[in-house]
């Protein structure tokens, strides 16, 4: 979260002439409510099961760029489904300090709606970094300042992904 996957993913899809799919938005549309409401009504474990279902479903599609939620690759089943779909997994790696800056005013992400969001960011990063690195086919340095250009990042991904 906060790495720019939606912005960069959209640019990448545009460049490739593929469909861009934001997995969280796809889940929201499917459920008829936003992620925050899904967490509140049904809990995180229900949301994670939706992610797994949607991973497999979306891998049936061709010519897509998929921006997965931050927790998607925590389950090996999801990683296996993403790889089985024939695509590559890109990890947009952003240093923790940059994530904190980018997310300091977030009012949408359920996991960050707590008094000490920096502690949550630290914890999530430490819990997830190894999983992200092991799931990724390509690791992209996405730690430029928050005003970095998504078009340039998409071009970098195209170059590094070959």
N, C-alpha and C. Protein backbone atom coordinates (compact mmCIF):
# COMPACT_ATOMS: atom_id res chain seq x y z
N UNK A 1 0.84 -1.17 0.00
CA UNK A 1 0.00 0.00 0.00
C UNK A 1 0.89 1.24 0.00
N UNK A 2 0.52 2.16 -0.89
CA UNK A 2 1.29 3.39 -1.00
C UNK A 2 2.46 3.33 -1.96
N UNK A 3 2.62 2.21 -2.64
CA UNK A 3 3.77 2.07 -3.55
C UNK A 3 3.48 2.64 -4.94
N UNK A 4 2.22 2.93 -5.24
CA UNK A 4 1.86 3.49 -6.53
C UNK A 4 1.38 2.47 -7.54
N UNK A 5 1.00 1.29 -7.07
CA UNK A 5 0.66 0.20 -8.00
C UNK A 5 -0.52 0.52 -8.90
N UNK A 6 -1.52 1.25 -8.41
CA UNK A 6 -2.66 1.58 -9.26
C UNK A 6 -2.28 2.60 -10.32
N UNK A 7 -1.60 3.64 -9.92
CA UNK A 7 -1.21 4.67 -10.87
C UNK A 7 -0.26 4.11 -11.92
N UNK A 8 0.74 3.40 -11.46
CA UNK A 8 1.72 2.81 -12.39
C UNK A 8 1.07 1.71 -13.23
N UNK A 9 0.25 0.89 -12.59
CA UNK A 9 -0.43 -0.18 -13.32
C UNK A 9 -1.31 0.34 -14.43
N UNK A 10 -2.03 1.42 -14.16
CA UNK A 10 -2.87 2.04 -15.18
C UNK A 10 -2.02 2.51 -16.36
N UNK A 11 -0.90 3.16 -16.06
CA UNK A 11 0.00 3.65 -17.12
C UNK A 11 0.58 2.48 -17.92
N UNK A 12 0.95 1.44 -17.23
CA UNK A 12 1.51 0.27 -17.89
C UNK A 12 0.48 -0.38 -18.81
N UNK A 13 -0.74 -0.52 -18.33
CA UNK A 13 -1.81 -1.10 -19.15
C UNK A 13 -2.06 -0.23 -20.38
N UNK A 14 -2.06 1.05 -20.16
CA UNK A 14 -2.26 2.00 -21.26
C UNK A 14 -1.17 1.81 -22.33
N UNK A 15 0.06 1.69 -21.87
CA UNK A 15 1.21 1.53 -22.77
C UNK A 15 1.13 0.21 -23.54
N UNK A 16 0.68 -0.85 -22.85
CA UNK A 16 0.60 -2.18 -23.48
C UNK A 16 -0.71 -2.40 -24.25
N UNK A 17 -1.64 -1.45 -24.07
CA UNK A 17 -2.99 -1.59 -24.63
C UNK A 17 -3.72 -2.82 -24.04
N UNK A 18 -3.54 -2.97 -22.72
CA UNK A 18 -4.19 -4.02 -21.94
C UNK A 18 -5.27 -3.38 -21.07
N UNK A 19 -6.10 -4.23 -20.51
CA UNK A 19 -7.08 -3.77 -19.54
C UNK A 19 -6.40 -3.66 -18.17
N UNK A 20 -6.67 -2.57 -17.47
CA UNK A 20 -6.16 -2.41 -16.11
C UNK A 20 -7.24 -2.82 -15.13
N UNK A 21 -6.87 -3.64 -14.15
CA UNK A 21 -7.81 -4.06 -13.11
C UNK A 21 -7.17 -3.82 -11.75
N UNK A 22 -7.85 -3.04 -10.94
CA UNK A 22 -7.48 -2.84 -9.54
C UNK A 22 -8.26 -3.90 -8.76
N UNK A 23 -7.54 -4.86 -8.18
CA UNK A 23 -8.21 -5.98 -7.51
C UNK A 23 -9.15 -5.52 -6.40
N UNK A 24 -8.73 -4.53 -5.63
CA UNK A 24 -9.61 -4.05 -4.56
C UNK A 24 -10.90 -3.47 -5.13
N UNK A 25 -10.81 -2.70 -6.19
CA UNK A 25 -12.00 -2.12 -6.83
C UNK A 25 -12.89 -3.23 -7.40
N UNK A 26 -12.25 -4.23 -7.98
CA UNK A 26 -12.99 -5.38 -8.52
C UNK A 26 -13.79 -6.07 -7.40
N UNK A 27 -13.14 -6.24 -6.25
CA UNK A 27 -13.81 -6.86 -5.10
C UNK A 27 -14.95 -5.96 -4.60
N UNK A 28 -14.70 -4.66 -4.53
CA UNK A 28 -15.75 -3.74 -4.10
C UNK A 28 -16.97 -3.83 -5.02
N UNK A 29 -16.72 -3.83 -6.32
CA UNK A 29 -17.83 -3.92 -7.29
C UNK A 29 -18.58 -5.23 -7.13
N UNK A 30 -17.84 -6.30 -6.92
CA UNK A 30 -18.44 -7.63 -6.77
C UNK A 30 -19.30 -7.72 -5.52
N UNK A 31 -18.82 -7.11 -4.43
CA UNK A 31 -19.52 -7.18 -3.14
C UNK A 31 -20.55 -6.07 -2.95
N UNK A 32 -20.47 -5.02 -3.76
CA UNK A 32 -21.41 -3.91 -3.62
C UNK A 32 -21.13 -3.01 -2.43
N UNK A 33 -19.90 -3.05 -1.92
CA UNK A 33 -19.50 -2.16 -0.82
C UNK A 33 -17.99 -1.98 -0.84
N UNK A 34 -17.53 -0.93 -0.18
CA UNK A 34 -16.09 -0.65 -0.20
C UNK A 34 -15.33 -1.55 0.76
N UNK A 35 -14.01 -1.54 0.60
CA UNK A 35 -13.14 -2.42 1.40
C UNK A 35 -13.33 -2.16 2.88
N UNK A 36 -13.40 -0.90 3.26
CA UNK A 36 -13.57 -0.56 4.68
C UNK A 36 -14.84 -1.21 5.23
N UNK A 37 -15.92 -1.18 4.44
CA UNK A 37 -17.19 -1.78 4.88
C UNK A 37 -17.10 -3.30 4.93
N UNK A 38 -16.39 -3.88 3.96
CA UNK A 38 -16.20 -5.34 3.97
C UNK A 38 -15.46 -5.75 5.24
N UNK A 39 -14.40 -5.03 5.58
CA UNK A 39 -13.65 -5.31 6.80
C UNK A 39 -14.56 -5.17 8.02
N UNK A 40 -15.34 -4.09 8.05
CA UNK A 40 -16.21 -3.83 9.21
C UNK A 40 -17.31 -4.88 9.34
N UNK A 41 -17.94 -5.22 8.22
CA UNK A 41 -19.08 -6.14 8.26
C UNK A 41 -18.68 -7.60 8.37
N UNK A 42 -17.63 -7.97 7.64
CA UNK A 42 -17.32 -9.39 7.47
C UNK A 42 -15.95 -9.81 8.01
N UNK A 43 -15.08 -8.84 8.28
CA UNK A 43 -13.76 -9.13 8.82
C UNK A 43 -12.69 -9.31 7.76
N UNK A 44 -11.46 -9.22 8.22
CA UNK A 44 -10.32 -9.33 7.30
C UNK A 44 -10.22 -10.72 6.69
N UNK A 45 -10.52 -11.78 7.45
CA UNK A 45 -10.37 -13.13 6.90
C UNK A 45 -11.34 -13.35 5.73
N UNK A 46 -12.53 -12.80 5.82
CA UNK A 46 -13.48 -12.89 4.70
C UNK A 46 -12.92 -12.17 3.48
N UNK A 47 -12.38 -10.98 3.71
CA UNK A 47 -11.79 -10.21 2.61
C UNK A 47 -10.65 -11.00 1.96
N UNK A 48 -9.80 -11.62 2.78
CA UNK A 48 -8.67 -12.39 2.24
C UNK A 48 -9.17 -13.58 1.43
N UNK A 49 -10.28 -14.19 1.83
CA UNK A 49 -10.83 -15.30 1.04
C UNK A 49 -11.36 -14.79 -0.31
N UNK A 50 -11.92 -13.59 -0.30
CA UNK A 50 -12.35 -12.97 -1.57
C UNK A 50 -11.15 -12.74 -2.49
N UNK A 51 -10.05 -12.27 -1.91
CA UNK A 51 -8.83 -12.06 -2.71
C UNK A 51 -8.42 -13.34 -3.41
N UNK A 52 -8.45 -14.45 -2.69
CA UNK A 52 -8.05 -15.74 -3.27
C UNK A 52 -9.00 -16.14 -4.40
N UNK A 53 -10.26 -16.00 -4.17
CA UNK A 53 -11.25 -16.31 -5.20
C UNK A 53 -11.04 -15.45 -6.44
N UNK A 54 -10.86 -14.17 -6.22
CA UNK A 54 -10.69 -13.21 -7.33
C UNK A 54 -9.38 -13.43 -8.07
N UNK A 55 -8.32 -13.81 -7.36
CA UNK A 55 -7.03 -14.12 -8.01
C UNK A 55 -7.22 -15.17 -9.10
N UNK A 56 -7.84 -16.25 -8.72
CA UNK A 56 -8.07 -17.34 -9.68
C UNK A 56 -8.98 -16.90 -10.81
N UNK A 57 -10.01 -16.18 -10.46
CA UNK A 57 -10.97 -15.70 -11.46
C UNK A 57 -10.30 -14.78 -12.49
N UNK A 58 -9.51 -13.84 -12.00
CA UNK A 58 -8.89 -12.87 -12.90
C UNK A 58 -7.78 -13.47 -13.76
N UNK A 59 -7.18 -14.55 -13.29
CA UNK A 59 -6.12 -15.18 -14.09
C UNK A 59 -6.67 -15.91 -15.31
N UNK A 60 -7.98 -15.99 -15.40
CA UNK A 60 -8.62 -16.55 -16.60
C UNK A 60 -8.63 -15.53 -17.74
N UNK A 61 -8.41 -14.27 -17.41
CA UNK A 61 -8.44 -13.20 -18.41
C UNK A 61 -7.07 -13.07 -19.09
N UNK A 62 -7.11 -12.60 -20.33
CA UNK A 62 -5.89 -12.33 -21.08
C UNK A 62 -5.67 -10.82 -21.14
N UNK A 63 -4.42 -10.45 -21.35
CA UNK A 63 -4.06 -9.04 -21.61
C UNK A 63 -4.57 -8.08 -20.54
N UNK A 64 -4.21 -8.37 -19.30
CA UNK A 64 -4.55 -7.47 -18.21
C UNK A 64 -3.29 -7.08 -17.44
N UNK A 65 -3.36 -5.93 -16.82
CA UNK A 65 -2.41 -5.53 -15.80
C UNK A 65 -3.23 -5.47 -14.52
N UNK A 66 -2.83 -6.27 -13.55
CA UNK A 66 -3.58 -6.41 -12.30
C UNK A 66 -2.80 -5.78 -11.15
N UNK A 67 -3.43 -4.83 -10.48
CA UNK A 67 -2.85 -4.25 -9.27
C UNK A 67 -3.47 -5.00 -8.09
N UNK A 68 -2.67 -5.84 -7.47
CA UNK A 68 -3.14 -6.63 -6.33
C UNK A 68 -3.09 -5.80 -5.06
N UNK A 69 -3.96 -6.14 -4.13
CA UNK A 69 -3.90 -5.51 -2.82
C UNK A 69 -2.63 -5.93 -2.10
N UNK A 70 -2.24 -5.14 -1.11
CA UNK A 70 -0.99 -5.37 -0.40
C UNK A 70 -0.87 -6.71 0.29
N UNK A 71 -1.99 -7.34 0.63
CA UNK A 71 -1.94 -8.62 1.32
C UNK A 71 -2.08 -9.83 0.41
N UNK A 72 -2.28 -9.61 -0.86
CA UNK A 72 -2.57 -10.71 -1.78
C UNK A 72 -1.49 -11.78 -1.80
N UNK A 73 -0.24 -11.37 -1.89
CA UNK A 73 0.84 -12.36 -2.04
C UNK A 73 1.26 -12.99 -0.71
N UNK A 74 0.54 -12.69 0.36
CA UNK A 74 0.86 -13.32 1.64
C UNK A 74 0.43 -14.78 1.65
N UNK A 75 -0.53 -15.13 0.81
CA UNK A 75 -0.98 -16.52 0.70
C UNK A 75 -0.32 -17.16 -0.52
N UNK A 76 0.37 -18.26 -0.30
CA UNK A 76 1.06 -18.94 -1.41
C UNK A 76 0.06 -19.36 -2.49
N UNK A 77 -1.14 -19.71 -2.09
CA UNK A 77 -2.18 -20.08 -3.05
C UNK A 77 -2.42 -18.96 -4.07
N UNK A 78 -2.40 -17.72 -3.60
CA UNK A 78 -2.58 -16.57 -4.50
C UNK A 78 -1.39 -16.40 -5.42
N UNK A 79 -0.19 -16.53 -4.87
CA UNK A 79 1.02 -16.42 -5.68
C UNK A 79 1.01 -17.49 -6.77
N UNK A 80 0.66 -18.71 -6.40
CA UNK A 80 0.59 -19.81 -7.37
C UNK A 80 -0.42 -19.50 -8.47
N UNK A 81 -1.57 -18.96 -8.09
CA UNK A 81 -2.60 -18.61 -9.09
C UNK A 81 -2.11 -17.52 -10.02
N UNK A 82 -1.44 -16.52 -9.46
CA UNK A 82 -0.92 -15.42 -10.29
C UNK A 82 0.13 -15.93 -11.27
N UNK A 83 1.01 -16.79 -10.80
CA UNK A 83 2.03 -17.36 -11.70
C UNK A 83 1.40 -18.29 -12.73
N UNK A 84 0.41 -19.06 -12.32
CA UNK A 84 -0.24 -19.99 -13.25
C UNK A 84 -0.95 -19.24 -14.36
N UNK A 85 -1.33 -17.99 -14.10
CA UNK A 85 -1.98 -17.17 -15.11
C UNK A 85 -1.04 -16.74 -16.22
N UNK A 86 0.24 -16.99 -16.05
CA UNK A 86 1.19 -16.70 -17.11
C UNK A 86 1.84 -15.33 -17.06
N UNK A 87 1.45 -14.51 -16.12
CA UNK A 87 2.03 -13.18 -16.03
C UNK A 87 3.21 -13.13 -15.10
N UNK A 88 3.74 -11.94 -14.93
CA UNK A 88 4.84 -11.72 -14.00
C UNK A 88 4.33 -10.91 -12.82
N UNK A 89 4.95 -11.16 -11.68
CA UNK A 89 4.65 -10.39 -10.48
C UNK A 89 5.77 -9.38 -10.28
N UNK A 90 5.37 -8.10 -10.21
CA UNK A 90 6.31 -7.01 -9.98
C UNK A 90 6.11 -6.48 -8.57
N UNK A 91 7.20 -6.35 -7.86
CA UNK A 91 7.17 -5.76 -6.52
C UNK A 91 7.71 -4.35 -6.65
N UNK A 92 6.84 -3.36 -6.44
CA UNK A 92 7.27 -1.96 -6.45
C UNK A 92 7.78 -1.65 -5.05
N UNK A 93 9.09 -1.71 -4.91
CA UNK A 93 9.74 -1.60 -3.60
C UNK A 93 9.94 -0.14 -3.22
N UNK A 94 9.36 0.23 -2.09
CA UNK A 94 9.43 1.59 -1.58
C UNK A 94 9.95 1.53 -0.14
N UNK A 95 10.95 2.33 0.19
CA UNK A 95 11.43 2.35 1.58
C UNK A 95 10.32 2.76 2.55
N UNK A 96 10.40 2.24 3.76
CA UNK A 96 9.39 2.49 4.78
C UNK A 96 9.18 3.99 5.01
N UNK A 97 10.25 4.76 5.07
CA UNK A 97 10.11 6.21 5.32
C UNK A 97 9.27 6.87 4.23
N UNK A 98 9.47 6.46 2.98
CA UNK A 98 8.69 7.03 1.87
C UNK A 98 7.23 6.60 1.96
N UNK A 99 6.98 5.35 2.36
CA UNK A 99 5.60 4.89 2.52
C UNK A 99 4.88 5.71 3.60
N UNK A 100 5.57 5.95 4.68
CA UNK A 100 4.97 6.73 5.77
C UNK A 100 4.59 8.12 5.29
N UNK A 101 5.46 8.72 4.51
CA UNK A 101 5.17 10.05 3.98
C UNK A 101 3.99 10.01 3.02
N UNK A 102 3.97 9.04 2.13
CA UNK A 102 2.89 8.93 1.15
C UNK A 102 1.54 8.63 1.80
N UNK A 103 1.55 7.91 2.91
CA UNK A 103 0.30 7.45 3.54
C UNK A 103 -0.12 8.27 4.76
N UNK A 104 0.60 9.34 5.05
CA UNK A 104 0.35 10.08 6.29
C UNK A 104 -1.06 10.66 6.40
N UNK A 105 -1.71 10.95 5.28
CA UNK A 105 -3.05 11.52 5.32
C UNK A 105 -4.13 10.58 4.83
N UNK A 106 -3.81 9.30 4.70
CA UNK A 106 -4.77 8.32 4.18
C UNK A 106 -5.98 8.21 5.10
N UNK A 107 -7.16 8.22 4.50
CA UNK A 107 -8.41 8.07 5.25
C UNK A 107 -9.24 6.91 4.69
N UNK A 108 -8.64 6.10 3.83
CA UNK A 108 -9.39 5.06 3.14
C UNK A 108 -8.99 3.65 3.58
N UNK A 109 -7.71 3.37 3.68
CA UNK A 109 -7.24 2.01 3.94
C UNK A 109 -7.58 1.60 5.37
N UNK A 110 -8.38 0.52 5.52
CA UNK A 110 -8.84 0.12 6.85
C UNK A 110 -7.71 -0.15 7.85
N UNK A 111 -6.63 -0.76 7.40
CA UNK A 111 -5.55 -1.11 8.33
C UNK A 111 -4.83 0.12 8.88
N UNK A 112 -4.98 1.28 8.21
CA UNK A 112 -4.29 2.48 8.67
C UNK A 112 -5.16 3.43 9.49
N UNK A 113 -6.39 3.06 9.74
CA UNK A 113 -7.28 3.94 10.49
C UNK A 113 -7.16 3.67 11.99
N UNK A 114 -5.94 3.89 12.46
CA UNK A 114 -5.59 3.67 13.86
C UNK A 114 -4.76 4.85 14.35
N UNK A 115 -4.65 5.04 15.67
CA UNK A 115 -3.89 6.19 16.18
C UNK A 115 -2.43 6.22 15.72
N UNK A 116 -1.75 5.06 15.70
CA UNK A 116 -0.32 5.06 15.33
C UNK A 116 -0.12 4.33 14.00
N UNK A 117 -0.48 5.00 12.92
CA UNK A 117 -0.37 4.38 11.60
C UNK A 117 1.08 4.05 11.25
N UNK A 118 2.05 4.82 11.74
CA UNK A 118 3.45 4.52 11.44
C UNK A 118 3.87 3.17 12.00
N UNK A 119 3.36 2.84 13.17
CA UNK A 119 3.66 1.52 13.76
C UNK A 119 3.06 0.42 12.89
N UNK A 120 1.87 0.65 12.36
CA UNK A 120 1.23 -0.34 11.48
C UNK A 120 2.05 -0.50 10.20
N UNK A 121 2.49 0.61 9.62
CA UNK A 121 3.30 0.55 8.40
C UNK A 121 4.59 -0.21 8.67
N UNK A 122 5.25 0.09 9.79
CA UNK A 122 6.48 -0.63 10.15
C UNK A 122 6.21 -2.13 10.27
N UNK A 123 5.14 -2.48 10.98
CA UNK A 123 4.82 -3.89 11.19
C UNK A 123 4.49 -4.60 9.88
N UNK A 124 3.64 -3.98 9.08
CA UNK A 124 3.27 -4.60 7.80
C UNK A 124 4.47 -4.78 6.89
N UNK A 125 5.30 -3.77 6.83
CA UNK A 125 6.48 -3.86 5.96
C UNK A 125 7.39 -5.00 6.44
N UNK A 126 7.61 -5.05 7.73
CA UNK A 126 8.50 -6.10 8.24
C UNK A 126 7.91 -7.49 8.05
N UNK A 127 6.58 -7.63 8.19
CA UNK A 127 5.93 -8.92 7.99
C UNK A 127 5.87 -9.32 6.51
N UNK A 128 5.77 -8.34 5.63
CA UNK A 128 5.48 -8.63 4.23
C UNK A 128 6.67 -8.60 3.28
N UNK A 129 7.72 -7.89 3.62
CA UNK A 129 8.82 -7.69 2.67
C UNK A 129 9.37 -9.01 2.13
N UNK A 130 9.64 -9.98 2.99
CA UNK A 130 10.19 -11.25 2.54
C UNK A 130 9.24 -11.97 1.59
N UNK A 131 7.95 -11.93 1.91
CA UNK A 131 6.95 -12.56 1.03
C UNK A 131 6.91 -11.86 -0.32
N UNK A 132 6.95 -10.54 -0.31
CA UNK A 132 6.93 -9.79 -1.56
C UNK A 132 8.14 -10.16 -2.42
N UNK A 133 9.30 -10.20 -1.78
CA UNK A 133 10.54 -10.51 -2.52
C UNK A 133 10.52 -11.92 -3.08
N UNK A 134 9.99 -12.88 -2.31
CA UNK A 134 9.98 -14.25 -2.81
C UNK A 134 8.92 -14.46 -3.89
N UNK A 135 7.84 -13.70 -3.85
CA UNK A 135 6.78 -13.85 -4.86
C UNK A 135 7.14 -13.15 -6.16
N UNK A 136 7.96 -12.12 -6.08
CA UNK A 136 8.23 -11.26 -7.24
C UNK A 136 9.11 -11.92 -8.28
N UNK A 137 8.72 -11.73 -9.53
CA UNK A 137 9.59 -12.08 -10.65
C UNK A 137 10.56 -10.94 -10.92
N UNK A 138 10.10 -9.72 -10.66
CA UNK A 138 10.90 -8.52 -10.89
C UNK A 138 10.69 -7.57 -9.72
N UNK A 139 11.78 -7.05 -9.16
CA UNK A 139 11.71 -6.05 -8.11
C UNK A 139 12.09 -4.71 -8.74
N UNK A 140 11.21 -3.73 -8.57
CA UNK A 140 11.41 -2.41 -9.16
C UNK A 140 11.59 -1.40 -8.03
N UNK A 141 12.62 -0.58 -8.13
CA UNK A 141 12.83 0.48 -7.15
C UNK A 141 11.80 1.57 -7.41
N UNK A 142 10.84 1.68 -6.52
CA UNK A 142 9.78 2.68 -6.67
C UNK A 142 9.84 3.70 -5.54
N UNK A 143 11.03 3.91 -5.01
CA UNK A 143 11.19 4.77 -3.85
C UNK A 143 11.47 6.22 -4.15
N UNK A 144 11.23 6.64 -5.38
CA UNK A 144 11.43 8.05 -5.71
C UNK A 144 10.45 8.89 -4.91
N UNK A 145 10.68 10.19 -4.86
CA UNK A 145 9.74 11.05 -4.11
C UNK A 145 8.30 10.85 -4.59
N UNK A 146 7.37 11.27 -3.76
CA UNK A 146 5.95 11.05 -4.05
C UNK A 146 5.51 11.67 -5.37
N UNK A 147 6.24 12.62 -5.90
CA UNK A 147 5.83 13.27 -7.14
C UNK A 147 6.48 12.62 -8.37
N UNK A 148 7.00 11.41 -8.23
CA UNK A 148 7.60 10.72 -9.37
C UNK A 148 6.55 10.49 -10.44
N UNK A 149 7.01 10.36 -11.66
CA UNK A 149 6.09 10.26 -12.78
C UNK A 149 5.73 8.81 -13.06
N UNK A 150 4.45 8.50 -13.02
CA UNK A 150 4.00 7.13 -13.23
C UNK A 150 4.33 6.64 -14.63
N UNK A 151 4.34 7.53 -15.59
CA UNK A 151 4.67 7.14 -16.97
C UNK A 151 6.12 6.64 -17.04
N UNK A 152 7.01 7.34 -16.37
CA UNK A 152 8.41 6.92 -16.33
C UNK A 152 8.58 5.59 -15.61
N UNK A 153 7.83 5.40 -14.52
CA UNK A 153 7.90 4.15 -13.79
C UNK A 153 7.39 2.99 -14.65
N UNK A 154 6.32 3.21 -15.39
CA UNK A 154 5.79 2.18 -16.28
C UNK A 154 6.84 1.81 -17.33
N UNK A 155 7.52 2.79 -17.86
CA UNK A 155 8.59 2.51 -18.85
C UNK A 155 9.72 1.72 -18.20
N UNK A 156 10.05 2.04 -16.97
CA UNK A 156 11.10 1.30 -16.25
C UNK A 156 10.68 -0.15 -16.07
N UNK A 157 9.42 -0.38 -15.73
CA UNK A 157 8.91 -1.74 -15.56
C UNK A 157 8.98 -2.51 -16.87
N UNK A 158 8.58 -1.87 -17.96
CA UNK A 158 8.67 -2.52 -19.26
C UNK A 158 10.10 -2.91 -19.58
N UNK A 159 11.03 -2.02 -19.28
CA UNK A 159 12.45 -2.28 -19.55
C UNK A 159 12.98 -3.40 -18.64
N UNK A 160 12.70 -3.32 -17.35
CA UNK A 160 13.23 -4.29 -16.39
C UNK A 160 12.52 -5.63 -16.46
N UNK A 161 11.32 -5.65 -17.00
CA UNK A 161 10.53 -6.88 -17.03
C UNK A 161 10.84 -7.80 -18.19
N UNK A 162 11.72 -7.38 -19.05
CA UNK A 162 12.02 -8.23 -20.22
C UNK A 162 13.10 -9.24 -19.93
